[in-house]
Protein backbone atom coordinates (compact mmCIF):
# COMPACT_ATOMS: atom_id res chain seq x y z
CA UNK A 1 -2.21 24.18 7.33
CA UNK A 2 -5.48 23.83 5.17
CA UNK A 3 -4.72 20.42 5.16
CA UNK A 4 -5.62 19.62 8.63
CA UNK A 5 -8.47 21.95 8.70
CA UNK A 6 -10.54 20.67 5.50
CA UNK A 7 -9.52 17.11 5.21
CA UNK A 8 -10.33 14.00 7.29
CA UNK A 9 -7.23 12.77 9.09
CA UNK A 10 -6.51 8.95 7.82
CA UNK A 11 -9.31 8.98 5.41
CA UNK A 12 -9.16 9.31 1.65
CA UNK A 13 -12.38 9.67 -0.39
CA UNK A 14 -12.80 8.04 -3.44
CA UNK A 15 -12.17 11.23 -5.72
CA UNK A 16 -15.46 12.87 -7.02
CA UNK A 17 -16.13 15.36 -10.04
CA UNK A 18 -17.05 18.56 -9.39
CA UNK A 19 -17.95 21.90 -10.97
CA UNK A 20 -17.29 25.12 -9.58
CA UNK A 21 -18.29 28.66 -10.65
CA UNK A 22 -16.19 31.80 -9.94
CA UNK A 23 -16.82 35.61 -10.57
CA UNK A 24 -14.97 38.64 -9.94
CA UNK A 25 -15.84 42.30 -10.69
CA UNK A 26 -13.64 44.58 -8.85
CA UNK A 27 -9.71 45.37 -9.45
CA UNK A 28 -7.98 42.98 -11.63
CA UNK A 29 -10.72 40.33 -12.05
CA UNK A 30 -8.89 37.56 -14.00
CA UNK A 31 -6.08 37.94 -11.68
CA UNK A 32 -8.56 37.31 -8.96
CA UNK A 33 -10.26 34.48 -10.44
CA UNK A 34 -6.44 33.14 -11.64
CA UNK A 35 -5.65 33.32 -7.60
CA UNK A 36 -8.75 31.73 -6.45
CA UNK A 37 -8.07 29.03 -8.74
CA UNK A 38 -4.49 28.62 -7.64
CA UNK A 39 -5.56 28.63 -3.93
CA UNK A 40 -8.09 25.75 -4.40
CA UNK A 41 -5.03 23.74 -5.66
CA UNK A 42 -2.61 24.84 -3.08
CA UNK A 43 -5.03 24.14 -0.37
CA UNK A 44 -5.11 20.62 -1.46
CA UNK A 45 -9.06 21.08 -2.60
CA UNK A 46 -9.29 19.66 -5.98
CA UNK A 47 -7.41 18.54 -9.05
CA UNK A 48 -8.13 20.98 -11.64
CA UNK A 49 -8.85 18.91 -14.89
CA UNK A 50 -10.53 21.61 -17.13
CA UNK A 51 -11.24 25.22 -17.20
CA UNK A 52 -13.71 27.44 -19.41
CA UNK A 53 -13.00 30.45 -21.07
CA UNK A 54 -13.84 33.41 -19.30
CA UNK A 55 -16.60 35.85 -20.13
CA UNK A 56 -17.62 39.23 -19.20
CA UNK A 57 -20.74 39.91 -18.05
CA UNK A 58 -23.10 42.79 -16.84
CA UNK A 59 -23.58 42.95 -12.97
CA UNK A 60 -26.90 41.66 -11.99
CA UNK A 61 -28.79 42.96 -8.98
CA UNK A 62 -26.31 45.38 -8.16
CA UNK A 63 -26.93 49.07 -9.03
CA UNK A 64 -23.89 50.82 -11.16
CA UNK A 65 -22.03 47.38 -10.47
CA UNK A 66 -18.95 46.84 -12.22
CA UNK A 67 -18.99 44.22 -15.22
CA UNK A 68 -18.11 40.97 -14.00
CA UNK A 69 -15.62 38.02 -15.19
CA UNK A 70 -17.06 34.48 -14.95
CA UNK A 71 -15.50 31.28 -15.63
CA UNK A 72 -16.19 27.61 -14.36
CA UNK A 73 -13.66 24.98 -13.43
CA UNK A 74 -14.22 21.38 -13.37
CA UNK A 75 -12.04 19.10 -10.95
CA UNK A 76 -11.64 16.09 -8.75
CA UNK A 77 -11.81 16.11 -4.84
CA UNK A 78 -11.69 14.26 -1.95
CA UNK A 79 -13.50 16.42 0.16
CA UNK A 80 -17.14 16.04 1.17
CA UNK A 81 -19.25 18.74 -0.13
CA UNK A 82 -19.07 20.87 3.16
CA UNK A 83 -15.87 20.50 3.50
CA UNK A 84 -15.31 21.76 -0.06
CA UNK A 85 -17.79 24.86 0.95
CA UNK A 86 -15.69 25.76 3.91
CA UNK A 87 -12.52 25.61 1.49
CA UNK A 88 -14.67 28.04 -0.77
CA UNK A 89 -15.70 30.16 1.78
CA UNK A 90 -12.05 30.10 3.51
CA UNK A 91 -10.76 31.43 0.28
CA UNK A 92 -13.23 34.26 -0.09
CA UNK A 93 -12.41 35.70 3.43
CA UNK A 94 -8.33 35.36 2.61
CA UNK A 95 -9.06 37.10 -0.66
CA UNK A 96 -10.80 40.05 1.34
CA UNK A 97 -14.45 38.96 0.28
CA UNK A 98 -16.73 41.13 2.71
CA UNK A 99 -20.17 39.21 2.86
CA UNK A 100 -23.40 41.10 2.78
CA UNK A 101 -27.04 40.57 3.16
CA UNK A 102 -27.59 42.63 -0.14
CA UNK A 103 -25.76 41.96 -3.36
CA UNK A 104 -22.57 44.11 -3.76
CA UNK A 105 -19.50 44.18 -5.99
CA UNK A 106 -17.34 41.85 -4.91
CA UNK A 107 -13.37 40.61 -5.28
CA UNK A 108 -14.23 36.90 -5.77
CA UNK A 109 -17.37 34.79 -5.75
CA UNK A 110 -16.79 30.88 -5.62
CA UNK A 111 -20.34 28.93 -5.91
CA UNK A 112 -20.35 25.02 -5.65
CA UNK A 113 -22.38 24.13 -8.70
CA UNK A 114 -22.40 20.60 -9.14
CA UNK A 115 -21.11 17.84 -7.15
CA UNK A 116 -21.18 13.78 -8.21
CA UNK A 117 -23.53 11.77 -6.70
CA UNK A 118 -24.81 14.32 -4.12
CA UNK A 119 -27.93 16.32 -3.69
CA UNK A 120 -28.90 18.80 -1.19
CA UNK A 121 -31.45 21.85 -0.35
CA UNK A 122 -29.78 22.91 2.71
CA UNK A 123 -30.23 26.50 3.20
CA UNK A 124 -26.11 26.89 2.97
CA UNK A 125 -25.24 23.98 0.98
CA UNK A 126 -27.74 23.41 -1.80
CA UNK A 127 -26.61 21.10 -4.88
CA UNK A 128 -26.78 21.52 -7.63
CA UNK A 129 -26.86 25.18 -6.96
CA UNK A 130 -30.55 26.58 -6.95
CA UNK A 131 -29.73 29.41 -9.79
CA UNK A 132 -27.81 27.42 -12.10
CA UNK A 133 -30.06 27.03 -14.60
CA UNK A 134 -31.28 30.72 -14.49
CA UNK A 135 -27.99 31.86 -15.30
CA UNK A 136 -26.23 32.55 -18.70
CA UNK A 137 -22.78 33.40 -17.26
CA UNK A 138 -23.06 30.03 -15.48
CA UNK A 139 -24.41 27.78 -18.17
CA UNK A 140 -22.56 29.23 -20.80
CA UNK A 141 -18.80 28.24 -19.36
CA UNK A 142 -20.15 25.09 -17.81
CA UNK A 143 -21.28 24.18 -21.62
CA UNK A 144 -17.59 24.96 -22.57
CA UNK A 145 -16.51 22.48 -20.48
CA UNK A 146 -19.05 19.33 -20.42
CA UNK A 147 -22.02 20.20 -22.58
CA UNK A 148 -23.61 17.12 -21.60
CA UNK A 149 -23.68 17.10 -17.92
CA UNK A 150 -27.15 16.49 -16.74
CA UNK A 151 -28.96 18.79 -14.38
CA UNK A 152 -32.25 18.11 -12.75
CA UNK A 153 -34.66 20.92 -11.91
CA UNK A 154 -38.00 20.58 -10.48
CA UNK A 155 -39.56 19.57 -13.55
CA UNK A 156 -37.36 17.33 -15.44
CA UNK A 157 -33.40 16.49 -16.03
CA UNK A 158 -31.50 17.78 -19.32
CA UNK A 159 -28.23 18.51 -20.39
CA UNK A 160 -26.54 22.10 -19.73
CA UNK A 161 -26.53 22.82 -23.38
CA UNK A 162 -30.17 22.42 -23.83
CA UNK A 163 -30.91 25.06 -20.68
CA UNK A 164 -28.34 27.48 -22.28
CA UNK A 165 -30.18 27.41 -25.64
CA UNK A 166 -33.71 28.47 -23.53
CA UNK A 167 -31.65 31.63 -22.31
CA UNK A 168 -30.24 34.81 -24.21
CA UNK A 169 -26.56 34.94 -23.74
CA UNK A 170 -26.09 37.34 -26.34
CA UNK A 171 -24.59 40.06 -23.71
CA UNK A 172 -21.69 37.57 -22.44
CA UNK A 173 -18.36 38.11 -24.23
CA UNK A 174 -15.53 35.65 -24.40
CA UNK A 175 -12.20 37.74 -23.16
CA UNK A 176 -8.56 36.69 -24.50
CA UNK A 177 -7.18 35.17 -21.21
CA UNK A 178 -6.31 31.93 -19.85
CA UNK A 179 -7.70 30.88 -16.29
CA UNK A 180 -6.08 27.93 -16.10
CA UNK A 181 -3.21 26.48 -16.31
CA UNK A 182 -1.21 29.69 -15.66
CA UNK A 183 2.30 28.31 -16.98
CA UNK A 184 2.17 28.39 -20.62
CA UNK A 185 4.69 25.59 -20.91
CA UNK A 186 4.06 22.59 -18.74
CA UNK A 187 5.08 19.00 -18.38
CA UNK A 188 3.16 15.89 -17.65
CA UNK A 189 4.12 12.81 -16.58
CA UNK A 190 3.35 9.76 -14.39
CA UNK A 191 6.37 8.11 -12.33
CA UNK A 192 6.90 5.33 -9.90
CA UNK A 193 8.70 5.73 -6.72
CA UNK A 194 11.98 4.84 -8.35
CA UNK A 195 11.13 7.50 -11.21
CA UNK A 196 10.38 5.17 -13.71
CA UNK A 197 7.96 6.07 -16.67
CA UNK A 198 8.35 3.70 -19.14
CA UNK A 199 9.60 0.16 -19.88
CA UNK A 200 9.77 -1.11 -23.77
CA UNK A 201 8.09 1.86 -25.16
CA UNK A 202 4.67 1.69 -22.86
CA UNK A 203 3.72 2.45 -19.38
CA UNK A 204 4.28 -0.32 -16.74
CA UNK A 205 1.05 0.38 -15.14
CA UNK A 206 -2.46 1.16 -15.92
CA UNK A 207 -4.19 3.74 -13.92
CA UNK A 208 -7.76 4.72 -15.55
CA UNK A 209 -8.36 7.54 -13.37
CA UNK A 210 -4.85 9.02 -14.51
CA UNK A 211 -5.17 8.21 -18.04
CA UNK A 212 -8.69 10.25 -17.96
CA UNK A 213 -6.63 13.39 -15.96
CA UNK A 214 -4.54 13.74 -18.64
CA UNK A 215 -6.96 13.37 -21.42
CA UNK A 216 -8.89 16.12 -19.84
CA UNK A 217 -5.95 18.31 -18.68
CA UNK A 218 -4.55 18.55 -22.37
CA UNK A 219 -7.57 19.11 -24.38
CA UNK A 220 -7.42 22.14 -26.29
CA UNK A 221 -3.76 22.00 -25.76
CA UNK A 222 -0.41 21.39 -28.00
CA UNK A 223 1.16 18.39 -27.08
CA UNK A 224 4.89 17.94 -27.58
CA UNK A 225 6.39 14.38 -27.65
CA UNK A 226 8.78 11.83 -29.60
CA UNK A 227 7.44 9.18 -31.91
CA UNK A 228 7.27 6.47 -29.27
CA UNK A 229 5.07 8.53 -26.94
CA UNK A 230 2.95 9.60 -29.88
CA UNK A 231 2.83 5.69 -30.86
CA UNK A 232 1.12 4.80 -27.88
CA UNK A 233 -1.30 7.96 -27.47
CA UNK A 234 -2.75 7.12 -30.85
CA UNK A 235 -3.96 4.03 -29.22
CA UNK A 236 -6.83 6.10 -27.30
CA UNK A 237 -9.81 6.50 -29.12
CA UNK A 238 -9.96 10.01 -28.14
CA UNK A 239 -6.29 10.92 -28.96
CA UNK A 240 -7.27 13.38 -31.65
CA UNK A 241 -10.13 15.14 -29.88
CA UNK A 242 -9.25 19.12 -29.80
CA UNK A 243 -5.20 18.39 -29.35
CA UNK A 244 -2.65 19.26 -31.65
CA UNK A 245 0.73 17.72 -31.65
CA UNK A 246 4.03 18.53 -32.17
CA UNK A 247 6.18 15.07 -32.64
CA UNK A 248 9.99 14.92 -32.51
CA UNK A 249 11.29 12.45 -34.70
CA UNK A 250 13.86 11.67 -37.43
CA UNK A 251 11.19 9.79 -39.10
CA UNK A 252 8.57 12.48 -40.57
CA UNK A 253 6.70 10.18 -42.65
CA UNK A 254 5.68 7.87 -39.62
CA UNK A 255 3.83 10.99 -38.13
CA UNK A 256 1.49 11.98 -41.22
CA UNK A 257 -1.76 12.32 -39.52
CA UNK A 258 -4.28 15.75 -39.46
CA UNK A 259 -3.35 18.39 -36.62
CA UNK A 260 -0.10 16.42 -36.40
CA UNK A 261 3.20 18.62 -36.89
CA UNK A 262 6.83 17.40 -37.31
CA UNK A 263 9.75 18.72 -35.48
CA UNK A 264 13.39 17.71 -35.62
CA UNK A 265 14.21 19.56 -32.36
CA UNK A 266 12.80 20.72 -29.30
CA UNK A 267 13.95 24.24 -30.20
CA UNK A 268 11.42 24.03 -33.24
CA UNK A 269 8.86 22.13 -31.75
CA UNK A 270 8.78 24.81 -29.11
CA UNK A 271 8.40 27.92 -31.57
CA UNK A 272 5.99 25.88 -33.61
CA UNK A 273 3.95 25.15 -30.10
CA UNK A 274 4.08 28.82 -29.15
CA UNK A 275 2.78 30.20 -32.49
CA UNK A 276 -0.83 28.27 -31.78
CA UNK A 277 -1.16 30.58 -28.26
CA UNK A 278 -2.40 27.73 -26.97
CA UNK A 279 -1.18 25.80 -23.35
CA UNK A 280 1.98 23.26 -24.42
CA UNK A 281 2.17 20.09 -22.82
CA UNK A 282 5.44 18.35 -22.80
CA UNK A 283 4.60 14.69 -22.71
CA UNK A 284 7.93 12.70 -22.90
CA UNK A 285 10.10 10.56 -23.37
CA UNK A 286 12.80 10.65 -21.20
CA UNK A 287 15.36 12.92 -23.23
CA UNK A 288 12.46 15.37 -24.14
CA UNK A 289 11.34 15.45 -19.98
CA UNK A 290 15.28 16.15 -19.28
CA UNK A 291 15.97 18.73 -21.88
CA UNK A 292 13.03 20.91 -21.48
CA UNK A 293 12.91 20.63 -17.41
CA UNK A 294 14.23 24.16 -17.41
CA UNK A 295 12.02 25.69 -19.50
CA UNK A 296 8.66 24.40 -17.96
CA UNK A 297 6.98 26.59 -15.35
CA UNK A 298 5.04 23.63 -14.00
CA UNK A 299 4.88 20.01 -13.67
CA UNK A 300 1.74 18.05 -13.36
CA UNK A 301 2.83 14.74 -11.44
CA UNK A 302 1.01 11.51 -10.72
CA UNK A 303 3.35 9.99 -8.34
CA UNK A 304 2.57 5.95 -8.03
CA UNK A 305 3.72 4.59 -4.46
CA UNK A 306 5.46 1.63 -6.23
CA UNK A 307 8.66 0.95 -7.73
CA UNK A 308 8.73 -0.29 -11.21
CA UNK A 309 11.46 -1.88 -13.40
CA UNK A 310 11.87 0.34 -16.26
CA UNK A 311 14.33 1.34 -19.21
CA UNK A 312 13.45 5.04 -19.08
CA UNK A 313 13.11 7.17 -15.99
CA UNK A 314 12.04 10.86 -15.41
CA UNK A 315 14.66 13.24 -13.97
CA UNK A 316 15.06 14.40 -10.73
CA UNK A 317 13.44 17.40 -10.62
CA UNK A 318 13.24 18.49 -7.31
CA UNK A 319 17.24 19.53 -7.54
CA UNK A 320 15.62 22.17 -10.20
CA UNK A 321 14.14 24.70 -8.22
CA UNK A 322 10.82 23.52 -8.16
CA UNK A 323 8.06 23.48 -4.96
CA UNK A 324 5.53 21.73 -4.65
CA UNK A 325 2.08 23.37 -5.29
CA UNK A 326 -0.39 20.86 -4.45
CA UNK A 327 -1.08 17.38 -3.55
CA UNK A 328 -4.13 15.21 -3.69
CA UNK A 329 -3.93 11.37 -2.65
CA UNK A 330 -5.74 8.71 -4.45
CA UNK A 331 -6.22 5.09 -5.17
CA UNK A 332 -6.85 2.11 -7.47
CA UNK A 333 -7.62 -1.39 -5.75
CA UNK A 334 -4.33 -1.96 -3.88
CA UNK A 335 -2.44 1.08 -5.71
CA UNK A 336 -2.04 4.21 -3.92
CA UNK A 337 -0.56 7.44 -6.02
CA UNK A 338 -0.75 11.22 -5.55
CA UNK A 339 -1.61 14.21 -7.91
CA UNK A 340 0.94 16.90 -7.68
CA UNK A 341 1.70 19.96 -9.44
CA UNK A 342 5.19 21.39 -8.64
CA UNK A 343 6.19 24.75 -10.14
CA UNK A 344 9.51 26.24 -10.59
CA UNK A 345 10.41 29.16 -8.64
CA UNK A 346 12.75 31.16 -10.87
CA UNK A 347 10.06 31.12 -13.62
CA UNK A 348 7.70 32.65 -11.56
C-alpha cells in the first residue's frame, strides 16, 4: 500500500544516506520509537544501517511536559526528500500524533535531520534541520553514530562532534534499551537467485554498497561465523572496528586475535554471544546458517537478481515461517539487487 503512495513507479533513485531524529514523551516512549523505526522499514522508506543509543531528556518548551526519549537513526533511502517527509508524517499520523501550533506532549516526532547532497530552506522541508545545531538531544545521538558528519550553518561548516562540544549536554542520560534492531539474534547474508552464498570460500560477487551496509549494521555487535568466513572478514581493514567475534572452528589456534573468541559448537557460541548483551549477527557459512535458522528472529538479506555458480548455499528460509518485513531496490552498474528484512512469525 505505502509503496504505491511514496515511491515513484518504475524508477529507482541511487540510494542516499539520511539521518532521522526520533522523539517521544507519552506512554511507552521506547516502544513508540521502535514502532516508528519498524514502520519506516515496513513502508520501504529506508534501509536502517545504524541507530544511536536512546537518551532521556527534559521537555523543552512544554509546561509540565513529560521527559522525552530521543534517538537518531542512519539509513539509505531511494525516496526523494519530499517523499521521505510524506512518509514520516504519515507514520506520525498513523501512530496518533496530533499536530498543534504550540509545543505539546507527543507520541512520536520524526524529523529529517540531514539528507545526502540536498539542502532546502522551505518552511515544510528545511534540510539540514534548522534546529539541529542547537539541540543537544539531537547532536549527542547523531554524534554517537557519525561524529564526523559535517553540517553547514550560517557561518561555517563543521563536524557534529565539534558543535556538540559547544553545548551543555549534561542533562541527557542514556538508558539501557536497544532501539534497533529489535531482534537479538539476526542472520545477515547476501544470496543469488539460486541461493548461492559462496564459491571456493569467497563471495562470487563484489558489491561495495552491500559490504558497507554489512559493516555498518554489524558495528557494536557480536558476530558468529565459521573459520573460512572469518578469514574472508579479516581481509577488510575495518574488520575489528567495534565488533566482537565468535568463530566456530576445530582449530582454535587459527583464530588468535583480540576480541575474537573460539567456540566448538553453535550452542556454545550463542551462550558466549548472549553474555555480551549485544545484538548477535549470524554470518555463515552454510551449516551455521542452517542450524541457526529457527533460532533467528530476523534475516537481513541482500537478494542479487542473478544466478551464480557456487558450492555453498543458503537454506530455503521462506518455508520456516518467515515473512518479508521490508524491501528496497538498488543496483550497481548492470547488477540489480534488493535489500530485504524477513522476520520469523513464531519468534514475534
